[in-house]
């Protein structure tokens, strides 16, 4: 009679892990795109600012 509660806890852990996997897969590309845009926006003033001072 003890195994059913353990099975329920195990299933709940698996559902949470799969939800985390889905979240990571859904947010991976948008976050990558945001990081690239941020890096470009950060680099442009540095590159063009130092080129204009010479």
N, C-alpha and C. Protein backbone atom coordinates (compact mmCIF):
# COMPACT_ATOMS: atom_id res chain seq x y z
N UNK A 1 0.82 -1.20 0.00
CA UNK A 1 0.00 0.00 0.00
C UNK A 1 0.86 1.26 0.00
N UNK A 2 2.09 1.18 0.32
CA UNK A 2 2.98 2.34 0.30
C UNK A 2 3.40 2.74 -1.12
N UNK A 3 3.60 1.83 -2.07
CA UNK A 3 4.07 2.23 -3.40
C UNK A 3 3.21 3.25 -4.16
N UNK A 4 1.88 3.26 -4.07
CA UNK A 4 1.14 4.27 -4.83
C UNK A 4 1.51 5.71 -4.50
N UNK A 5 1.68 6.12 -3.24
CA UNK A 5 2.11 7.50 -2.99
C UNK A 5 3.49 7.80 -3.58
N UNK A 6 4.40 6.83 -3.53
CA UNK A 6 5.72 7.05 -4.12
C UNK A 6 5.60 7.22 -5.63
N UNK A 7 4.73 6.45 -6.23
CA UNK A 7 4.54 6.55 -7.67
C UNK A 7 3.96 7.92 -8.04
N UNK A 8 3.05 8.42 -7.22
CA UNK A 8 2.45 9.73 -7.48
C UNK A 8 3.52 10.82 -7.37
N UNK A 9 4.38 10.75 -6.36
CA UNK A 9 5.45 11.74 -6.22
C UNK A 9 6.43 11.65 -7.38
N UNK A 10 6.72 10.44 -7.82
CA UNK A 10 7.63 10.25 -8.95
C UNK A 10 7.02 10.84 -10.22
N UNK A 11 5.74 10.58 -10.45
CA UNK A 11 5.07 11.12 -11.63
C UNK A 11 5.02 12.64 -11.59
N UNK A 12 4.80 13.20 -10.41
CA UNK A 12 4.77 14.66 -10.30
C UNK A 12 6.13 15.25 -10.62
N UNK A 13 7.20 14.59 -10.19
CA UNK A 13 8.55 15.04 -10.52
C UNK A 13 8.83 14.97 -12.00
N UNK A 14 8.34 13.95 -12.65
CA UNK A 14 8.53 13.81 -14.09
C UNK A 14 7.76 14.88 -14.85
N UNK A 15 6.56 15.21 -14.40
CA UNK A 15 5.79 16.27 -15.06
C UNK A 15 6.48 17.61 -14.91
N UNK A 16 7.04 17.87 -13.76
CA UNK A 16 7.74 19.14 -13.55
C UNK A 16 8.99 19.20 -14.42
N UNK A 17 9.70 18.10 -14.53
CA UNK A 17 10.90 18.09 -15.35
C UNK A 17 10.55 18.29 -16.82
N UNK A 18 9.50 17.67 -17.29
CA UNK A 18 9.12 17.84 -18.68
C UNK A 18 8.61 19.26 -18.93
N UNK A 19 7.98 19.86 -17.96
CA UNK A 19 7.54 21.25 -18.09
C UNK A 19 8.76 22.16 -18.18
N UNK A 20 9.77 21.86 -17.41
CA UNK A 20 11.00 22.65 -17.47
C UNK A 20 11.68 22.47 -18.82
N UNK A 21 11.70 21.24 -19.33
CA UNK A 21 12.28 21.00 -20.64
C UNK A 21 11.53 21.76 -21.73
N UNK A 22 10.21 21.76 -21.65
CA UNK A 22 9.40 22.51 -22.63
C UNK A 22 9.71 24.00 -22.54
N UNK A 23 9.81 24.52 -21.33
CA UNK A 23 10.09 25.94 -21.13
C UNK A 23 11.46 26.29 -21.73
N UNK A 24 12.46 25.46 -21.48
CA UNK A 24 13.78 25.74 -22.00
C UNK A 24 13.81 25.69 -23.53
N UNK A 25 13.11 24.73 -24.11
CA UNK A 25 13.08 24.64 -25.57
C UNK A 25 12.35 25.82 -26.19
N UNK A 26 11.29 26.29 -25.55
CA UNK A 26 10.50 27.39 -26.10
C UNK A 26 11.21 28.74 -25.95
N UNK A 27 12.04 28.89 -24.95
CA UNK A 27 12.68 30.19 -24.71
C UNK A 27 14.12 30.26 -25.19
N UNK A 28 14.68 29.17 -25.67
CA UNK A 28 16.09 29.15 -26.05
C UNK A 28 16.38 30.10 -27.21
N UNK A 29 15.65 30.01 -28.29
CA UNK A 29 15.93 30.86 -29.46
C UNK A 29 15.59 32.32 -29.23
N UNK A 30 14.45 32.65 -28.61
CA UNK A 30 14.21 34.09 -28.35
C UNK A 30 15.27 34.71 -27.44
N UNK A 31 15.74 33.98 -26.45
CA UNK A 31 16.78 34.52 -25.58
C UNK A 31 18.10 34.67 -26.30
N UNK A 32 18.40 33.75 -27.21
CA UNK A 32 19.61 33.86 -28.01
C UNK A 32 19.54 35.09 -28.91
N UNK A 33 18.39 35.29 -29.54
CA UNK A 33 18.21 36.47 -30.39
C UNK A 33 18.35 37.75 -29.58
N UNK A 34 17.78 37.77 -28.39
CA UNK A 34 17.88 38.94 -27.53
C UNK A 34 19.34 39.19 -27.12
N UNK A 35 20.08 38.15 -26.86
CA UNK A 35 21.49 38.30 -26.50
C UNK A 35 22.30 38.85 -27.66
N UNK A 36 22.02 38.42 -28.88
CA UNK A 36 22.74 38.92 -30.05
C UNK A 36 22.41 40.39 -30.28
N UNK A 37 21.14 40.76 -30.15
CA UNK A 37 20.75 42.17 -30.32
C UNK A 37 21.41 43.03 -29.24
N UNK A 38 21.44 42.55 -28.02
CA UNK A 38 22.07 43.30 -26.95
C UNK A 38 23.56 43.48 -27.21
N UNK A 39 24.24 42.42 -27.64
CA UNK A 39 25.67 42.51 -27.91
C UNK A 39 25.95 43.49 -29.04
N UNK A 40 25.13 43.47 -30.07
CA UNK A 40 25.31 44.40 -31.18
C UNK A 40 25.05 45.84 -30.73
N UNK A 41 23.99 46.05 -29.97
CA UNK A 41 23.68 47.39 -29.49
C UNK A 41 24.76 47.91 -28.54
N UNK A 42 25.38 47.04 -27.80
CA UNK A 42 26.45 47.43 -26.90
C UNK A 42 27.74 47.72 -27.66
N UNK A 43 28.01 46.96 -28.72
CA UNK A 43 29.27 47.09 -29.44
C UNK A 43 29.29 48.26 -30.42
N UNK A 44 28.16 48.58 -31.02
CA UNK A 44 28.13 49.62 -32.05
C UNK A 44 28.64 50.96 -31.54
N UNK A 45 28.19 51.49 -30.41
CA UNK A 45 28.72 52.77 -29.94
C UNK A 45 30.22 52.71 -29.61
N UNK A 46 30.67 51.57 -29.16
CA UNK A 46 32.10 51.43 -28.81
C UNK A 46 32.93 51.45 -30.09
N UNK A 47 32.52 50.70 -31.08
CA UNK A 47 33.27 50.61 -32.34
C UNK A 47 33.24 51.94 -33.07
N UNK A 48 32.06 52.51 -33.25
CA UNK A 48 31.97 53.76 -34.00
C UNK A 48 32.43 54.96 -33.19
N UNK A 49 32.34 54.89 -31.90
CA UNK A 49 32.82 55.98 -31.06
C UNK A 49 34.33 56.10 -31.09
N UNK A 50 35.03 54.99 -31.04
CA UNK A 50 36.48 55.03 -31.07
C UNK A 50 37.00 55.34 -32.47
N UNK A 51 36.27 54.98 -33.51
CA UNK A 51 36.70 55.28 -34.88
C UNK A 51 36.56 56.77 -35.17
N UNK A 52 35.59 57.43 -34.60
CA UNK A 52 35.37 58.85 -34.83
C UNK A 52 36.37 59.73 -34.10
N UNK A 53 36.98 59.25 -33.08
CA UNK A 53 37.92 60.06 -32.28
C UNK A 53 39.31 60.13 -32.88
N UNK A 54 39.62 59.27 -33.80
CA UNK A 54 40.97 59.24 -34.36
C UNK A 54 41.12 60.24 -35.41
